[in-house]
Amino acid sequence: MRIVVTGAGGLIGRHARARLHAANCAAAHRGAPERWQIVALDHAAFQDDARLEAALRGADAVLHFAGVNRAPEGEVEAANPAIAQRLVAACRATGSDPHVVHANSTHSGRDTAYGRSKARAAEVIANGVTRMTDLILPHIFGEGARPFYNNVTATLIHQILDGTEPEVNREGQVALLHAGAAVDMAIAAVADRLTGRIAPEGRSMSVGVLYRRLRMFHDSYGTNVIPDLSDPFDLQLFNTYRAAIAPAVRPLTCNTDPRGTLFEAVKGGGGGQTFLSTTKPGVTRGDHFHLDKVERFLVLQGEAVIRLRHVLSNEVQEFHVSGTEPAAVDMPTLTTHSIENTGGGELLTLFWSHALFDPAAPDTYADRVLP
């Protein structure tokens, strides 16, 4: 199925591409054909008729996340309906009839420039295509969000890491929904042919409560204690926090006496699963990524290189680790990773994840770090 993702460089667009890629990886692992032919469009494509039409020609679905929410009010009010009109015009020009999922906003019910703009854009699409899902989204947060860009969660995380006191209305209320959850609903709408209005509820809280929760994550993680992640929302929020500091390589304090050495491998997390592996020289383990799982690598014996690559990037990061200087390396979500034994002897590695492995929902997607 040919699926076009507009606003592909934005927060929701990037999560959409990562999740569609994960579905393709899962299919490849089963020996099945890829389900999605992913076409990514940035905002500039809406100024280029040829490029826009080439992307939409033969499209089965469009996840329409492109939009403008930060500009002078007059520009905002005009921009979103104009983008919608360009999308509809390109569909008509190419004879395409895709199922369009429009990322709308809870603000669309308000008499503001942005609210009117989003409401009008939804009308344009609804009148221009035969299948349309109007996805009404609350405040979206997630890994890779830009601080100071209409995303209070990313801004608070940035200020906590920067050591600055946030200047926000702590009594203000937000309804929070993870970008991945929003994308899952959009993809499900296409897969299940769901049209009409979908309005997921976010987790409601004050900005002050949100700040305190993020601050707790920061203080806990700073002492090498992983917070309780039994609440899926806390897992999503913690992964968002971790993405802002990833990759997290944590040298461990070794307590050495004549008997030997003791150090703490992992603390907290509300449970989870720990296992050990041995790896022969020159062998690589991993080459997979996770959407939600918190995972830690810790070399206990031998020499290794840990490699990480965001699934939407070609940039590879390398971290050389050794059992003689124990350091925990936490794997960011949406980042494929591997560990290679670069020593002459057997490699002994401890792996920890925050949840027990579920064969029915492994949250593990095979994807080579290196070409």
Protein backbone atom coordinates (compact mmCIF):
# COMPACT_ATOMS: atom_id res chain seq x y z
CA MET A 1 0.00 0.00 0.00
CA ARG A 2 1.39 3.38 -1.03
CA ILE A 3 1.07 5.77 1.92
CA VAL A 4 2.08 9.42 1.83
CA VAL A 5 3.15 11.15 5.05
CA THR A 6 2.96 14.93 4.87
CA GLY A 7 4.80 17.03 7.43
CA ALA A 8 7.25 14.13 7.46
CA GLY A 9 9.93 16.11 9.24
CA GLY A 10 7.68 17.16 12.11
CA LEU A 11 7.09 15.38 15.39
CA ILE A 12 4.07 13.29 14.35
CA GLY A 13 5.40 12.78 10.84
CA ARG A 14 8.67 11.33 12.12
CA HIS A 15 6.86 8.99 14.49
CA ALA A 16 4.59 7.91 11.64
CA ARG A 17 7.53 7.07 9.39
CA ALA A 18 9.24 5.17 12.23
CA ARG A 19 6.13 3.10 12.99
CA LEU A 20 5.43 2.32 9.35
CA HIS A 21 9.08 1.32 9.00
CA ALA A 22 8.70 -0.92 12.06
CA ALA A 23 5.73 -2.67 10.41
CA ASN A 24 7.83 -3.24 7.29
CA CYS A 25 10.69 -4.62 9.40
CA ALA A 26 8.32 -7.01 11.14
CA ALA A 27 6.99 -8.21 7.79
CA ALA A 28 10.50 -8.75 6.43
CA HIS A 29 11.40 -10.75 9.54
CA ARG A 30 8.44 -13.06 8.81
CA GLY A 31 9.48 -13.39 5.20
CA ALA A 32 6.40 -11.43 4.08
CA PRO A 33 6.40 -8.51 1.63
CA GLU A 34 6.58 -4.99 3.02
CA ARG A 35 3.12 -3.67 3.79
CA TRP A 36 3.81 0.03 3.30
CA GLN A 37 5.46 1.95 0.48
CA ILE A 38 6.30 5.08 2.44
CA VAL A 39 6.46 8.44 0.67
CA ALA A 40 7.69 11.30 2.88
CA LEU A 41 6.73 14.88 2.05
CA ASP A 42 8.00 17.97 3.85
CA HIS A 43 6.38 21.41 3.84
CA ALA A 44 8.39 22.51 0.81
CA ALA A 45 6.58 19.91 -1.32
CA PHE A 46 3.42 22.00 -1.11
CA GLN A 47 5.19 24.70 -3.12
CA ASP A 48 6.16 22.28 -5.90
CA ASP A 49 3.28 20.96 -8.02
CA ALA A 50 5.37 18.35 -9.81
CA ARG A 51 6.77 16.90 -6.61
CA LEU A 52 3.40 16.91 -4.85
CA GLU A 53 1.64 15.24 -7.76
CA ALA A 54 4.39 12.64 -8.18
CA ALA A 55 4.00 11.68 -4.52
CA LEU A 56 0.21 11.44 -4.65
CA ARG A 57 -0.04 9.60 -7.95
CA GLY A 58 -1.29 6.11 -7.11
CA ALA A 59 -1.45 6.84 -3.38
CA ASP A 60 -3.75 4.60 -1.35
CA ALA A 61 -3.62 6.74 1.78
CA VAL A 62 -2.33 10.06 3.08
CA LEU A 63 -1.42 10.75 6.69
CA HIS A 64 -1.77 14.51 6.54
CA PHE A 65 0.32 15.98 9.33
CA ALA A 66 1.61 19.06 7.49
CA GLY A 67 0.43 22.33 8.95
CA VAL A 68 1.36 25.71 10.36
CA ASN A 69 0.84 26.59 14.00
CA ARG A 70 3.56 29.10 14.73
CA ALA A 71 3.43 32.31 12.67
CA PRO A 72 1.60 35.64 12.70
CA GLU A 73 -2.12 35.04 13.14
CA GLY A 74 -3.02 36.05 9.59
CA GLU A 75 -0.51 33.61 8.15
CA VAL A 76 -1.66 30.78 10.40
CA GLU A 77 -5.32 31.33 9.50
CA ALA A 78 -4.61 31.20 5.79
CA ALA A 79 -1.89 28.56 5.72
CA ASN A 80 -3.66 25.40 6.85
CA PRO A 81 -6.66 25.71 4.48
CA ALA A 82 -4.24 26.56 1.67
CA ILE A 83 -2.18 23.42 2.33
CA ALA A 84 -5.39 21.36 2.38
CA GLN A 85 -6.48 22.89 -0.93
CA ARG A 86 -3.12 22.05 -2.50
CA LEU A 87 -3.46 18.47 -1.30
CA VAL A 88 -6.97 18.10 -2.75
CA ALA A 89 -5.94 19.74 -6.03
CA ALA A 90 -2.99 17.37 -6.43
CA CYS A 91 -5.26 14.37 -5.83
CA ARG A 92 -7.62 15.59 -8.53
CA ALA A 93 -4.80 16.36 -10.96
CA THR A 94 -3.44 12.83 -10.65
CA GLY A 95 -6.79 11.05 -10.54
CA SER A 96 -5.93 9.72 -7.09
CA ASP A 97 -8.53 8.90 -4.46
CA PRO A 98 -6.57 8.18 -1.27
CA HIS A 99 -7.96 7.74 2.20
CA VAL A 100 -6.84 10.96 3.94
CA VAL A 101 -6.29 11.03 7.69
CA HIS A 102 -6.19 14.68 8.72
CA ALA A 103 -4.38 15.56 11.93
CA ASN A 104 -6.77 18.10 13.39
CA SER A 105 -6.61 19.72 16.82
CA THR A 106 -8.85 20.19 19.83
CA HIS A 107 -8.26 23.89 19.14
CA SER A 108 -10.40 23.59 16.00
CA GLY A 109 -13.46 24.18 18.12
CA ARG A 110 -12.15 27.53 19.36
CA ASP A 111 -12.59 30.98 17.86
CA THR A 112 -8.88 31.65 17.35
CA ALA A 113 -6.80 32.06 14.20
CA TYR A 114 -5.33 28.59 14.64
CA GLY A 115 -8.65 27.01 15.59
CA ARG A 116 -10.48 28.51 12.61
CA SER A 117 -7.58 27.52 10.36
CA LYS A 118 -7.66 23.86 11.39
CA ALA A 119 -11.44 23.67 11.19
CA ARG A 120 -11.45 25.15 7.68
CA ALA A 121 -8.67 22.78 6.55
CA ALA A 122 -10.78 19.82 7.71
CA GLU A 123 -13.74 21.12 5.70
CA VAL A 124 -11.63 21.51 2.56
CA ILE A 125 -10.39 17.92 2.77
CA ALA A 126 -13.80 16.49 3.65
CA ASN A 127 -15.32 18.18 0.59
CA GLY A 128 -12.44 17.21 -1.70
CA VAL A 129 -11.94 13.47 -1.13
CA THR A 130 -14.27 10.51 -0.80
CA ARG A 131 -12.66 8.98 2.33
CA MET A 132 -11.50 11.17 5.18
CA THR A 133 -10.74 10.61 8.86
CA ASP A 134 -10.71 13.71 11.03
CA LEU A 135 -8.31 12.90 13.88
CA ILE A 136 -8.86 15.47 16.65
CA LEU A 137 -5.65 15.56 18.68
CA PRO A 138 -4.87 17.10 22.07
CA HIS A 139 -1.37 18.23 23.13
CA ILE A 140 1.10 15.88 21.44
CA PHE A 141 4.44 14.99 23.01
CA GLY A 142 7.12 12.46 22.19
CA GLU A 143 10.72 11.66 21.36
CA GLY A 144 12.32 14.27 19.11
CA ALA A 145 9.95 17.14 19.93
CA ARG A 146 11.31 20.67 19.59
CA PRO A 147 11.34 22.84 22.72
CA PHE A 148 9.79 26.29 22.53
CA TYR A 149 7.70 25.20 19.55
CA ASN A 150 4.19 24.82 20.93
CA ASN A 151 5.25 21.79 22.94
CA VAL A 152 5.29 22.43 26.66
CA THR A 153 6.63 18.94 27.43
CA ALA A 154 9.74 19.38 25.28
CA THR A 155 10.24 22.89 26.65
CA LEU A 156 10.09 21.70 30.26
CA ILE A 157 12.55 18.88 29.55
CA HIS A 158 14.93 21.32 27.88
CA GLN A 159 14.77 23.70 30.83
CA ILE A 160 15.28 20.90 33.37
CA LEU A 161 18.36 19.69 31.49
CA ASP A 162 19.58 23.24 31.05
CA GLY A 163 19.17 24.01 34.76
CA THR A 164 16.85 26.97 34.16
CA GLU A 165 13.63 27.66 36.06
CA PRO A 166 10.66 27.27 33.70
CA GLU A 167 8.54 30.33 33.03
CA VAL A 168 5.14 28.74 32.52
CA ASN A 169 1.67 28.91 33.98
CA ARG A 170 1.87 25.93 36.31
CA GLU A 171 -1.88 26.05 36.93
CA GLY A 172 -2.60 25.73 33.22
CA GLN A 173 -4.14 22.43 32.13
CA VAL A 174 -2.94 20.19 29.30
CA ALA A 175 -4.27 16.93 27.87
CA LEU A 176 -1.25 14.88 26.78
CA LEU A 177 -1.10 12.21 24.08
CA HIS A 178 2.07 10.50 22.88
CA ALA A 179 2.88 10.98 19.19
CA GLY A 180 3.18 7.22 18.75
CA ALA A 181 -0.33 6.68 20.10
CA ALA A 182 -1.69 9.31 17.71
CA VAL A 183 0.11 7.66 14.79
CA ASP A 184 -1.19 4.22 15.74
CA MET A 185 -4.74 5.59 15.53
CA ALA A 186 -4.02 7.18 12.14
CA ILE A 187 -2.55 3.97 10.71
CA ALA A 188 -5.40 1.90 12.17
CA ALA A 189 -7.91 4.23 10.50
CA VAL A 190 -6.30 3.48 7.14
CA ALA A 191 -5.92 -0.25 7.77
CA ASP A 192 -9.47 -0.65 9.07
CA ARG A 193 -11.05 1.86 6.65
CA LEU A 194 -12.36 4.03 9.46
CA THR A 195 -13.73 7.39 8.36
CA GLY A 196 -15.38 10.23 10.23
CA ARG A 197 -14.31 11.85 13.47
CA ILE A 198 -11.90 10.25 15.96
CA ALA A 199 -11.14 12.23 19.12
CA PRO A 200 -8.79 10.43 21.51
CA GLU A 201 -8.56 11.71 25.05
CA GLY A 202 -5.20 12.73 26.44
CA ARG A 203 -3.93 12.40 29.99
CA SER A 204 -5.12 15.57 31.71
CA MET A 205 -2.89 17.31 34.23
CA SER A 206 -1.65 20.72 35.20
CA VAL A 207 1.62 22.03 33.81
CA GLY A 208 2.90 22.07 37.38
CA VAL A 209 2.20 18.36 37.83
CA LEU A 210 3.84 17.64 34.47
CA TYR A 211 6.92 19.57 35.52
CA ARG A 212 7.16 17.75 38.84
CA ARG A 213 6.88 14.37 37.11
CA LEU A 214 9.62 15.24 34.62
CA ARG A 215 11.74 16.64 37.45
CA MET A 216 11.31 13.38 39.34
CA PHE A 217 12.48 11.43 36.28
CA HIS A 218 15.52 13.66 36.00
CA ASP A 219 16.49 13.47 39.66
CA SER A 220 15.99 9.71 39.76
CA TYR A 221 17.83 8.96 36.53
CA GLY A 222 20.65 11.25 37.62
CA THR A 223 21.33 8.87 40.51
CA ASN A 224 21.12 5.86 38.15
CA VAL A 225 17.67 4.84 39.41
CA ILE A 226 15.09 4.12 36.73
CA PRO A 227 11.62 5.25 37.84
CA ASP A 228 8.61 2.96 38.09
CA LEU A 229 7.39 2.49 34.51
CA SER A 230 4.34 0.33 35.17
CA ASP A 231 2.05 3.11 33.91
CA PRO A 232 2.28 3.18 30.06
CA PHE A 233 1.94 6.95 30.13
CA ASP A 234 4.96 7.27 32.43
CA LEU A 235 6.89 4.98 30.07
CA GLN A 236 6.08 7.26 27.14
CA LEU A 237 6.96 10.37 29.10
CA PHE A 238 10.21 8.84 30.40
CA ASN A 239 11.23 7.78 26.89
CA THR A 240 10.56 11.34 25.73
CA TYR A 241 12.83 12.62 28.50
CA ARG A 242 15.50 10.03 27.66
CA ALA A 243 15.47 11.01 23.99
CA ALA A 244 16.58 14.52 24.92
CA ILE A 245 19.75 13.19 26.58
CA ALA A 246 20.36 10.05 24.52
CA PRO A 247 22.49 8.18 24.20
CA ALA A 248 22.93 7.74 27.93
CA VAL A 249 26.28 6.17 28.77
CA ARG A 250 26.65 5.85 32.52
CA PRO A 251 29.99 4.93 34.12
CA LEU A 252 29.28 2.86 37.22
CA THR A 253 30.85 3.27 40.64
CA CYS A 254 33.00 0.24 41.44
CA ASN A 255 33.52 -0.80 45.04
CA THR A 256 36.78 -2.74 45.13
CA ASP A 257 38.46 -4.51 48.04
CA PRO A 258 40.76 -7.54 48.38
CA ARG A 259 37.81 -9.84 47.64
CA GLY A 260 37.09 -8.27 44.26
CA THR A 261 34.76 -5.64 42.83
CA LEU A 262 31.06 -4.89 43.31
CA PHE A 263 28.90 -2.43 41.35
CA GLU A 264 25.19 -1.82 40.85
CA ALA A 265 24.04 -2.75 37.35
CA VAL A 266 20.49 -1.36 37.39
CA LYS A 267 18.08 -0.04 40.00
CA GLY A 268 14.36 0.66 39.88
CA GLY A 269 12.16 0.35 36.83
CA GLY A 270 9.38 -1.45 38.68
CA GLY A 271 10.64 -4.93 37.85
CA GLY A 272 11.69 -5.99 34.39
CA GLN A 273 13.91 -8.75 33.08
CA THR A 274 17.66 -9.36 33.32
CA PHE A 275 19.64 -11.84 31.27
CA LEU A 276 23.25 -12.59 30.35
CA SER A 277 24.80 -13.56 27.06
CA THR A 278 28.19 -14.67 25.83
CA THR A 279 29.37 -13.59 22.38
CA LYS A 280 32.30 -15.00 20.44
CA PRO A 281 34.98 -12.70 18.94
CA GLY A 282 33.85 -10.83 15.83
CA VAL A 283 30.17 -11.65 16.37
CA THR A 284 27.47 -8.96 16.51
CA ARG A 285 24.23 -9.14 18.48
CA GLY A 286 21.19 -6.92 18.26
CA ASP A 287 20.54 -5.05 15.01
CA HIS A 288 17.02 -4.21 16.13
CA PHE A 289 15.03 -1.34 17.64
CA HIS A 290 12.12 -0.79 20.00
CA LEU A 291 9.15 1.58 19.99
CA ASP A 292 8.61 1.59 23.76
CA LYS A 293 11.03 -0.68 25.58
CA VAL A 294 13.70 0.68 27.93
CA GLU A 295 16.78 -1.50 27.49
CA ARG A 296 20.25 -1.39 29.09
CA PHE A 297 23.50 -3.00 27.89
CA LEU A 298 26.34 -3.60 30.35
CA VAL A 299 29.56 -5.38 29.36
CA LEU A 300 30.92 -7.42 32.27
CA GLN A 301 33.86 -9.08 30.54
CA GLY A 302 35.70 -8.41 27.30
CA GLU A 303 35.76 -5.57 24.78
CA ALA A 304 32.93 -4.39 22.55
CA VAL A 305 31.58 -1.58 20.43
CA ILE A 306 27.93 -0.56 20.76
CA ARG A 307 26.45 1.11 17.68
CA LEU A 308 23.27 3.15 17.48
CA ARG A 309 21.39 4.69 14.54
CA HIS A 310 18.02 6.44 14.59
CA VAL A 311 15.80 4.50 12.21
CA LEU A 312 15.22 7.62 10.07
CA SER A 313 18.92 8.53 9.86
CA ASN A 314 22.09 7.14 8.30
CA GLU A 315 24.30 8.56 11.08
CA VAL A 316 25.85 5.84 13.24
CA GLN A 317 27.21 6.49 16.74
CA GLU A 318 29.78 4.19 18.28
CA PHE A 319 30.62 3.61 21.94
CA HIS A 320 33.57 1.46 22.94
CA VAL A 321 32.96 -0.37 26.19
CA SER A 322 34.97 -2.75 28.33
CA GLY A 323 34.43 -5.06 31.25
CA THR A 324 37.39 -3.44 33.00
CA GLU A 325 35.54 -0.10 33.22
CA PRO A 326 31.84 -0.98 33.61
CA ALA A 327 29.50 1.50 31.98
CA ALA A 328 25.78 1.08 31.40
CA VAL A 329 24.47 2.13 27.97
CA ASP A 330 20.73 2.71 27.68
CA MET A 331 19.16 2.23 24.26
CA PRO A 332 16.92 5.07 23.07
CA THR A 333 13.60 4.16 21.49
CA LEU A 334 13.27 4.42 17.69
CA THR A 335 17.01 3.73 17.50
CA THR A 336 18.38 0.50 16.06
CA HIS A 337 21.35 -0.81 18.01
CA SER A 338 23.93 -3.57 18.09
CA ILE A 339 26.89 -4.80 20.12
CA GLU A 340 29.97 -6.37 18.52
CA ASN A 341 32.67 -8.33 20.32
CA THR A 342 35.88 -6.54 19.30
CA GLY A 343 38.15 -8.38 21.75
CA GLY A 344 40.11 -11.56 21.42
CA GLY A 345 38.13 -13.52 23.98
CA GLU A 346 34.54 -14.22 24.88
CA LEU A 347 32.29 -11.23 25.60
CA LEU A 348 29.97 -11.39 28.61
CA THR A 349 27.12 -8.88 28.56
CA LEU A 350 24.25 -8.17 30.93
CA PHE A 351 21.01 -7.01 29.31
CA TRP A 352 18.09 -5.49 31.20
CA SER A 353 14.67 -4.35 29.99
CA HIS A 354 11.91 -2.69 31.98
CA ALA A 355 9.29 -5.34 31.05
CA LEU A 356 9.15 -9.10 30.68
CA PHE A 357 9.56 -10.31 27.11
CA ASP A 358 6.21 -11.07 25.50
CA PRO A 359 6.54 -13.29 22.40
CA ALA A 360 3.10 -12.15 21.23
CA ALA A 361 4.14 -8.46 21.37
CA PRO A 362 7.94 -8.42 21.47
CA ASP A 363 8.39 -4.72 20.53
CA THR A 364 11.57 -5.78 18.71
CA TYR A 365 12.09 -4.89 15.04
CA ALA A 366 15.03 -6.28 13.10
CA ASP A 367 16.93 -3.48 11.35
CA ARG A 368 20.67 -3.54 10.70
CA VAL A 369 22.61 -0.62 12.16
CA LEU A 370 25.28 -0.80 9.45
CA PRO A 371 24.43 -1.26 5.75
